[in-house]
């Protein structure tokens, strides 16, 4: 699974996408998040400061606010 790569599909995504990344995420590198945000045309990348991979648990208020802002802009 670690070598599974379907990155070429990213450029074909044509719907608004919200990407949320923890600034200190050790499981998914910031480089991956930045790459995805560049490849997905209608994406928005939100970086949660001092957050790790468990953003949804430890930063639920920030995550929810980011989602609400993203959806209100559609």
PDB file of N, CA and C in Angstrom:
ATOM      1  N   UNK A   1       0.816  -1.189   0.000  1.00  0.00           N
ATOM      2  CA  UNK A   1       0.000   0.000   0.000  1.00  0.00           C
ATOM      3  C   UNK A   1       0.865   1.260   0.000  1.00  0.00           C
ATOM      4  N   UNK A   2       2.024   1.194   0.623  1.00  0.00           N
ATOM      5  CA  UNK A   2       2.891   2.372   0.691  1.00  0.00           C
ATOM      6  C   UNK A   2       3.367   2.810  -0.685  1.00  0.00           C
ATOM      7  N   UNK A   3       3.399   1.908  -1.631  1.00  0.00           N
ATOM      8  CA  UNK A   3       3.855   2.252  -2.976  1.00  0.00           C
ATOM      9  C   UNK A   3       2.700   2.514  -3.941  1.00  0.00           C
ATOM     10  N   UNK A   4       1.473   2.491  -3.451  1.00  0.00           N
ATOM     11  CA  UNK A   4       0.304   2.764  -4.275  1.00  0.00           C
ATOM     12  C   UNK A   4       0.310   4.240  -4.660  1.00  0.00           C
ATOM     13  N   UNK A   5       0.263   4.521  -5.947  1.00  0.00           N
ATOM     14  CA  UNK A   5       0.334   5.908  -6.417  1.00  0.00           C
ATOM     15  C   UNK A   5      -0.671   6.135  -7.534  1.00  0.00           C
ATOM     16  N   UNK A   6      -1.667   6.912  -7.240  1.00  0.00           N
ATOM     17  CA  UNK A   6      -2.674   7.280  -8.235  1.00  0.00           C
ATOM     18  C   UNK A   6      -2.694   8.798  -8.408  1.00  0.00           C
ATOM     19  N   UNK A   7      -1.546   9.422  -8.265  1.00  0.00           N
ATOM     20  CA  UNK A   7      -1.479  10.883  -8.283  1.00  0.00           C
ATOM     21  C   UNK A   7      -1.927  11.492  -9.609  1.00  0.00           C
ATOM     22  N   UNK A   8      -1.844  10.745 -10.703  1.00  0.00           N
ATOM     23  CA  UNK A   8      -2.262  11.308 -11.995  1.00  0.00           C
ATOM     24  C   UNK A   8      -3.762  11.605 -12.041  1.00  0.00           C
ATOM     25  N   UNK A   9      -4.518  11.004 -11.156  1.00  0.00           N
ATOM     26  CA  UNK A   9      -5.964  11.245 -11.138  1.00  0.00           C
ATOM     27  C   UNK A   9      -6.302  12.626 -10.557  1.00  0.00           C
ATOM     28  N   UNK A  10      -5.406  13.203  -9.784  1.00  0.00           N
ATOM     29  CA  UNK A  10      -5.675  14.479  -9.122  1.00  0.00           C
ATOM     30  C   UNK A  10      -6.032  15.585 -10.111  1.00  0.00           C
ATOM     31  N   UNK A  11      -5.355  15.639 -11.226  1.00  0.00           N
ATOM     32  CA  UNK A  11      -5.602  16.692 -12.223  1.00  0.00           C
ATOM     33  C   UNK A  11      -6.967  16.537 -12.884  1.00  0.00           C
ATOM     34  N   UNK A  12      -7.565  15.365 -12.764  1.00  0.00           N
ATOM     35  CA  UNK A  12      -8.878  15.144 -13.370  1.00  0.00           C
ATOM     36  C   UNK A  12     -10.023  15.489 -12.429  1.00  0.00           C
ATOM     37  N   UNK A  13      -9.730  15.784 -11.189  1.00  0.00           N
ATOM     38  CA  UNK A  13     -10.770  16.165 -10.228  1.00  0.00           C
ATOM     39  C   UNK A  13     -11.223  17.575 -10.568  1.00  0.00           C
ATOM     40  N   UNK A  14     -12.515  17.723 -10.802  1.00  0.00           N
ATOM     41  CA  UNK A  14     -13.035  19.008 -11.257  1.00  0.00           C
ATOM     42  C   UNK A  14     -14.184  19.505 -10.373  1.00  0.00           C
ATOM     43  N   UNK A  15     -14.131  19.198  -9.112  1.00  0.00           N
ATOM     44  CA  UNK A  15     -15.115  19.681  -8.149  1.00  0.00           C
ATOM     45  C   UNK A  15     -14.349  20.349  -7.009  1.00  0.00           C
ATOM     46  N   UNK A  16     -14.961  21.281  -6.309  1.00  0.00           N
ATOM     47  CA  UNK A  16     -14.277  21.925  -5.188  1.00  0.00           C
ATOM     48  C   UNK A  16     -13.880  20.906  -4.124  1.00  0.00           C
ATOM     49  N   UNK A  17     -12.642  21.008  -3.666  1.00  0.00           N
ATOM     50  CA  UNK A  17     -12.112  20.092  -2.654  1.00  0.00           C
ATOM     51  C   UNK A  17     -11.447  20.878  -1.542  1.00  0.00           C
ATOM     52  N   UNK A  18     -11.713  20.465  -0.336  1.00  0.00           N
ATOM     53  CA  UNK A  18     -11.060  21.053   0.825  1.00  0.00           C
ATOM     54  C   UNK A  18     -10.038  20.059   1.353  1.00  0.00           C
ATOM     55  N   UNK A  19      -8.805  20.498   1.450  1.00  0.00           N
ATOM     56  CA  UNK A  19      -7.723  19.682   2.004  1.00  0.00           C
ATOM     57  C   UNK A  19      -7.328  20.300   3.339  1.00  0.00           C
ATOM     58  N   UNK A  20      -7.316  19.505   4.373  1.00  0.00           N
ATOM     59  CA  UNK A  20      -6.956  19.996   5.701  1.00  0.00           C
ATOM     60  C   UNK A  20      -5.732  19.220   6.170  1.00  0.00           C
ATOM     61  N   UNK A  21      -4.698  19.949   6.518  1.00  0.00           N
ATOM     62  CA  UNK A  21      -3.414  19.344   6.894  1.00  0.00           C
ATOM     63  C   UNK A  21      -2.960  19.892   8.238  1.00  0.00           C
ATOM     64  N   UNK A  22      -2.445  19.023   9.073  1.00  0.00           N
ATOM     65  CA  UNK A  22      -1.847  19.458  10.326  1.00  0.00           C
ATOM     66  C   UNK A  22      -0.420  19.918  10.080  1.00  0.00           C
ATOM     67  N   UNK A  23      -0.063  21.033  10.631  1.00  0.00           N
ATOM     68  CA  UNK A  23       1.277  21.593  10.437  1.00  0.00           C
ATOM     69  C   UNK A  23       2.374  20.607  10.861  1.00  0.00           C
ATOM     70  N   UNK A  24       2.092  19.804  11.875  1.00  0.00           N
ATOM     71  CA  UNK A  24       3.084  18.862  12.399  1.00  0.00           C
ATOM     72  C   UNK A  24       2.659  17.413  12.155  1.00  0.00           C
ATOM     73  N   UNK A  25       1.976  17.191  11.063  1.00  0.00           N
ATOM     74  CA  UNK A  25       1.529  15.846  10.717  1.00  0.00           C
ATOM     75  C   UNK A  25       2.732  15.017  10.290  1.00  0.00           C
ATOM     76  N   UNK A  26       3.038  13.971  11.019  1.00  0.00           N
ATOM     77  CA  UNK A  26       4.187  13.130  10.699  1.00  0.00           C
ATOM     78  C   UNK A  26       3.818  11.958   9.794  1.00  0.00           C
ATOM     79  N   UNK A  27       2.529  11.718   9.575  1.00  0.00           N
ATOM     80  CA  UNK A  27       2.102  10.607   8.717  1.00  0.00           C
ATOM     81  C   UNK A  27       1.917  11.036   7.265  1.00  0.00           C
ATOM     82  N   UNK A  28       1.453  12.243   7.053  1.00  0.00           N
ATOM     83  CA  UNK A  28       1.301  12.788   5.705  1.00  0.00           C
ATOM     84  C   UNK A  28       2.131  14.064   5.658  1.00  0.00           C
ATOM     85  N   UNK A  29       3.116  14.100   4.809  1.00  0.00           N
ATOM     86  CA  UNK A  29       4.006  15.259   4.800  1.00  0.00           C
ATOM     87  C   UNK A  29       3.324  16.483   4.199  1.00  0.00           C
ATOM     88  N   UNK A  30       3.803  17.635   4.585  1.00  0.00           N
ATOM     89  CA  UNK A  30       3.286  18.893   4.045  1.00  0.00           C
ATOM     90  C   UNK A  30       3.482  18.924   2.537  1.00  0.00           C
ATOM     91  N   UNK A  31       4.553  18.326   2.072  1.00  0.00           N
ATOM     92  CA  UNK A  31       4.815  18.270   0.637  1.00  0.00           C
ATOM     93  C   UNK A  31       3.703  17.570  -0.126  1.00  0.00           C
ATOM     94  N   UNK A  32       3.161  16.514   0.445  1.00  0.00           N
ATOM     95  CA  UNK A  32       2.058  15.792  -0.196  1.00  0.00           C
ATOM     96  C   UNK A  32       0.824  16.685  -0.270  1.00  0.00           C
ATOM     97  N   UNK A  33       0.511  17.371   0.817  1.00  0.00           N
ATOM     98  CA  UNK A  33      -0.651  18.267   0.836  1.00  0.00           C
ATOM     99  C   UNK A  33      -0.484  19.394  -0.180  1.00  0.00           C
ATOM    100  N   UNK A  34       0.687  19.972  -0.247  1.00  0.00           N
ATOM    101  CA  UNK A  34       0.941  21.051  -1.207  1.00  0.00           C
ATOM    102  C   UNK A  34       0.850  20.546  -2.638  1.00  0.00           C
ATOM    103  N   UNK A  35       1.386  19.365  -2.890  1.00  0.00           N
ATOM    104  CA  UNK A  35       1.317  18.753  -4.219  1.00  0.00           C
ATOM    105  C   UNK A  35      -0.145  18.535  -4.629  1.00  0.00           C
ATOM    106  N   UNK A  36      -0.926  17.968  -3.712  1.00  0.00           N
ATOM    107  CA  UNK A  36      -2.333  17.719  -4.013  1.00  0.00           C
ATOM    108  C   UNK A  36      -3.082  19.013  -4.285  1.00  0.00           C
ATOM    109  N   UNK A  37      -2.813  20.048  -3.502  1.00  0.00           N
ATOM    110  CA  UNK A  37      -3.524  21.315  -3.689  1.00  0.00           C
ATOM    111  C   UNK A  37      -3.168  21.973  -5.019  1.00  0.00           C
ATOM    112  N   UNK A  38      -1.962  21.744  -5.490  1.00  0.00           N
ATOM    113  CA  UNK A  38      -1.565  22.292  -6.798  1.00  0.00           C
ATOM    114  C   UNK A  38      -2.184  21.505  -7.939  1.00  0.00           C
ATOM    115  N   UNK A  39      -2.320  20.206  -7.772  1.00  0.00           N
ATOM    116  CA  UNK A  39      -2.836  19.350  -8.841  1.00  0.00           C
ATOM    117  C   UNK A  39      -4.363  19.395  -8.963  1.00  0.00           C
ATOM    118  N   UNK A  40      -5.063  19.558  -7.842  1.00  0.00           N
ATOM    119  CA  UNK A  40      -6.525  19.620  -7.870  1.00  0.00           C
ATOM    120  C   UNK A  40      -6.923  21.065  -8.141  1.00  0.00           C
ATOM    121  N   UNK A  41      -7.526  21.287  -9.303  1.00  0.00           N
ATOM    122  CA  UNK A  41      -7.800  22.652  -9.781  1.00  0.00           C
ATOM    123  C   UNK A  41      -8.600  23.504  -8.810  1.00  0.00           C
ATOM    124  N   UNK A  42      -9.655  22.969  -8.269  1.00  0.00           N
ATOM    125  CA  UNK A  42     -10.553  23.761  -7.417  1.00  0.00           C
ATOM    126  C   UNK A  42     -10.371  23.425  -5.937  1.00  0.00           C
ATOM    127  N   UNK A  43      -9.133  23.280  -5.529  1.00  0.00           N
ATOM    128  CA  UNK A  43      -8.891  22.899  -4.135  1.00  0.00           C
ATOM    129  C   UNK A  43      -8.510  24.095  -3.284  1.00  0.00           C
ATOM    130  N   UNK A  44      -8.763  23.921  -1.999  1.00  0.00           N
ATOM    131  CA  UNK A  44      -8.329  24.890  -1.004  1.00  0.00           C
ATOM    132  C   UNK A  44      -7.610  24.095   0.080  1.00  0.00           C
ATOM    133  N   UNK A  45      -6.414  24.524   0.416  1.00  0.00           N
ATOM    134  CA  UNK A  45      -5.626  23.868   1.456  1.00  0.00           C
ATOM    135  C   UNK A  45      -5.670  24.708   2.721  1.00  0.00           C
ATOM    136  N   UNK A  46      -6.075  24.074   3.817  1.00  0.00           N
ATOM    137  CA  UNK A  46      -6.084  24.717   5.128  1.00  0.00           C
ATOM    138  C   UNK A  46      -5.061  23.985   5.986  1.00  0.00           C
ATOM    139  N   UNK A  47      -4.157  24.739   6.559  1.00  0.00           N
ATOM    140  CA  UNK A  47      -3.133  24.161   7.434  1.00  0.00           C
ATOM    141  C   UNK A  47      -3.451  24.569   8.868  1.00  0.00           C
ATOM    142  N   UNK A  48      -3.644  23.585   9.719  1.00  0.00           N
ATOM    143  CA  UNK A  48      -3.952  23.837  11.122  1.00  0.00           C
ATOM    144  C   UNK A  48      -2.643  23.867  11.895  1.00  0.00           C
ATOM    145  N   UNK A  49      -2.350  25.025  12.498  1.00  0.00           N
ATOM    146  CA  UNK A  49      -1.086  25.208  13.220  1.00  0.00           C
ATOM    147  C   UNK A  49      -0.954  24.237  14.385  1.00  0.00           C
ATOM    148  N   UNK A  50       0.252  23.751  14.558  1.00  0.00           N
ATOM    149  CA  UNK A  50       0.639  22.853  15.650  1.00  0.00           C
ATOM    150  C   UNK A  50      -0.158  21.550  15.696  1.00  0.00           C
ATOM    151  N   UNK A  51      -0.893  21.233  14.644  1.00  0.00           N
ATOM    152  CA  UNK A  51      -1.717  20.027  14.636  1.00  0.00           C
ATOM    153  C   UNK A  51      -0.963  18.863  14.022  1.00  0.00           C
ATOM    154  N   UNK A  52      -1.322  17.662  14.457  1.00  0.00           N
ATOM    155  CA  UNK A  52      -0.731  16.448  13.915  1.00  0.00           C
ATOM    156  C   UNK A  52      -1.773  15.724  13.058  1.00  0.00           C
ATOM    157  N   UNK A  53      -1.591  14.437  12.862  1.00  0.00           N
ATOM    158  CA  UNK A  53      -2.445  13.665  11.970  1.00  0.00           C
ATOM    159  C   UNK A  53      -3.860  13.477  12.516  1.00  0.00           C
ATOM    160  N   UNK A  54      -4.037  13.625  13.814  1.00  0.00           N
ATOM    161  CA  UNK A  54      -5.356  13.432  14.421  1.00  0.00           C
ATOM    162  C   UNK A  54      -6.123  14.744  14.578  1.00  0.00           C
ATOM    163  N   UNK A  55      -6.039  15.563  13.551  1.00  0.00           N
ATOM    164  CA  UNK A  55      -6.721  16.863  13.512  1.00  0.00           C
ATOM    165  C   UNK A  55      -8.182  16.783  13.900  1.00  0.00           C
ATOM    166  N   UNK A  56      -8.892  15.818  13.343  1.00  0.00           N
ATOM    167  CA  UNK A  56     -10.331  15.728  13.562  1.00  0.00           C
ATOM    168  C   UNK A  56     -10.692  15.489  15.026  1.00  0.00           C
ATOM    169  N   UNK A  57      -9.777  14.943  15.803  1.00  0.00           N
ATOM    170  CA  UNK A  57     -10.041  14.682  17.215  1.00  0.00           C
ATOM    171  C   UNK A  57      -9.600  15.857  18.088  1.00  0.00           C
ATOM    172  N   UNK A  58      -8.393  16.318  17.868  1.00  0.00           N
ATOM    173  CA  UNK A  58      -7.829  17.357  18.740  1.00  0.00           C
ATOM    174  C   UNK A  58      -8.172  18.783  18.326  1.00  0.00           C
ATOM    175  N   UNK A  59      -8.592  18.967  17.094  1.00  0.00           N
ATOM    176  CA  UNK A  59      -8.872  20.318  16.593  1.00  0.00           C
ATOM    177  C   UNK A  59     -10.231  20.398  15.919  1.00  0.00           C
ATOM    178  N   UNK A  60     -11.211  19.738  16.505  1.00  0.00           N
ATOM    179  CA  UNK A  60     -12.518  19.641  15.857  1.00  0.00           C
ATOM    180  C   UNK A  60     -13.161  21.011  15.611  1.00  0.00           C
ATOM    181  N   UNK A  61     -12.979  21.954  16.507  1.00  0.00           N
ATOM    182  CA  UNK A  61     -13.583  23.281  16.305  1.00  0.00           C
ATOM    183  C   UNK A  61     -12.959  23.997  15.102  1.00  0.00           C
ATOM    184  N   UNK A  62     -11.645  23.911  14.975  1.00  0.00           N
ATOM    185  CA  UNK A  62     -10.966  24.537  13.834  1.00  0.00           C
ATOM    186  C   UNK A  62     -11.349  23.830  12.534  1.00  0.00           C
ATOM    187  N   UNK A  63     -11.445  22.508  12.591  1.00  0.00           N
ATOM    188  CA  UNK A  63     -11.834  21.738  11.411  1.00  0.00           C
ATOM    189  C   UNK A  63     -13.244  22.116  10.985  1.00  0.00           C
ATOM    190  N   UNK A  64     -14.171  22.133  11.938  1.00  0.00           N
ATOM    191  CA  UNK A  64     -15.559  22.475  11.619  1.00  0.00           C
ATOM    192  C   UNK A  64     -15.678  23.882  11.046  1.00  0.00           C
ATOM    193  N   UNK A  65     -14.931  24.821  11.607  1.00  0.00           N
ATOM    194  CA  UNK A  65     -14.948  26.193  11.104  1.00  0.00           C
ATOM    195  C   UNK A  65     -14.420  26.248   9.676  1.00  0.00           C
ATOM    196  N   UNK A  66     -13.357  25.508   9.400  1.00  0.00           N
ATOM    197  CA  UNK A  66     -12.793  25.459   8.048  1.00  0.00           C
ATOM    198  C   UNK A  66     -13.788  24.874   7.057  1.00  0.00           C
ATOM    199  N   UNK A  67     -14.470  23.827   7.472  1.00  0.00           N
ATOM    200  CA  UNK A  67     -15.467  23.198   6.605  1.00  0.00           C
ATOM    201  C   UNK A  67     -16.640  24.157   6.353  1.00  0.00           C
ATOM    202  N   UNK A  68     -17.117  24.802   7.385  1.00  0.00           N
ATOM    203  CA  UNK A  68     -18.216  25.762   7.236  1.00  0.00           C
ATOM    204  C   UNK A  68     -17.837  26.896   6.291  1.00  0.00           C
ATOM    205  N   UNK A  69     -16.649  27.444   6.446  1.00  0.00           N
ATOM    206  CA  UNK A  69     -16.193  28.534   5.567  1.00  0.00           C
ATOM    207  C   UNK A  69     -16.083  28.051   4.126  1.00  0.00           C
ATOM    208  N   UNK A  70     -15.552  26.866   3.937  1.00  0.00           N
ATOM    209  CA  UNK A  70     -15.409  26.314   2.603  1.00  0.00           C
ATOM    210  C   UNK A  70     -16.775  26.126   1.942  1.00  0.00           C
ATOM    211  N   UNK A  71     -17.690  25.520   2.674  1.00  0.00           N
ATOM    212  CA  UNK A  71     -19.018  25.263   2.112  1.00  0.00           C
ATOM    213  C   UNK A  71     -19.795  26.550   1.843  1.00  0.00           C
ATOM    214  N   UNK A  72     -19.618  27.550   2.699  1.00  0.00           N
ATOM    215  CA  UNK A  72     -20.347  28.808   2.489  1.00  0.00           C
ATOM    216  C   UNK A  72     -19.839  29.540   1.241  1.00  0.00           C
ATOM    217  N   UNK A  73     -18.639  29.216   0.805  1.00  0.00           N
ATOM    218  CA  UNK A  73     -18.074  29.847  -0.388  1.00  0.00           C
ATOM    219  C   UNK A  73     -18.435  29.146  -1.678  1.00  0.00           C
ATOM    220  N   UNK A  74     -19.166  28.054  -1.592  1.00  0.00           N
ATOM    221  CA  UNK A  74     -19.538  27.316  -2.822  1.00  0.00           C
ATOM    222  C   UNK A  74     -20.730  27.940  -3.517  1.00  0.00           C
TER     223      UNK A  74
END
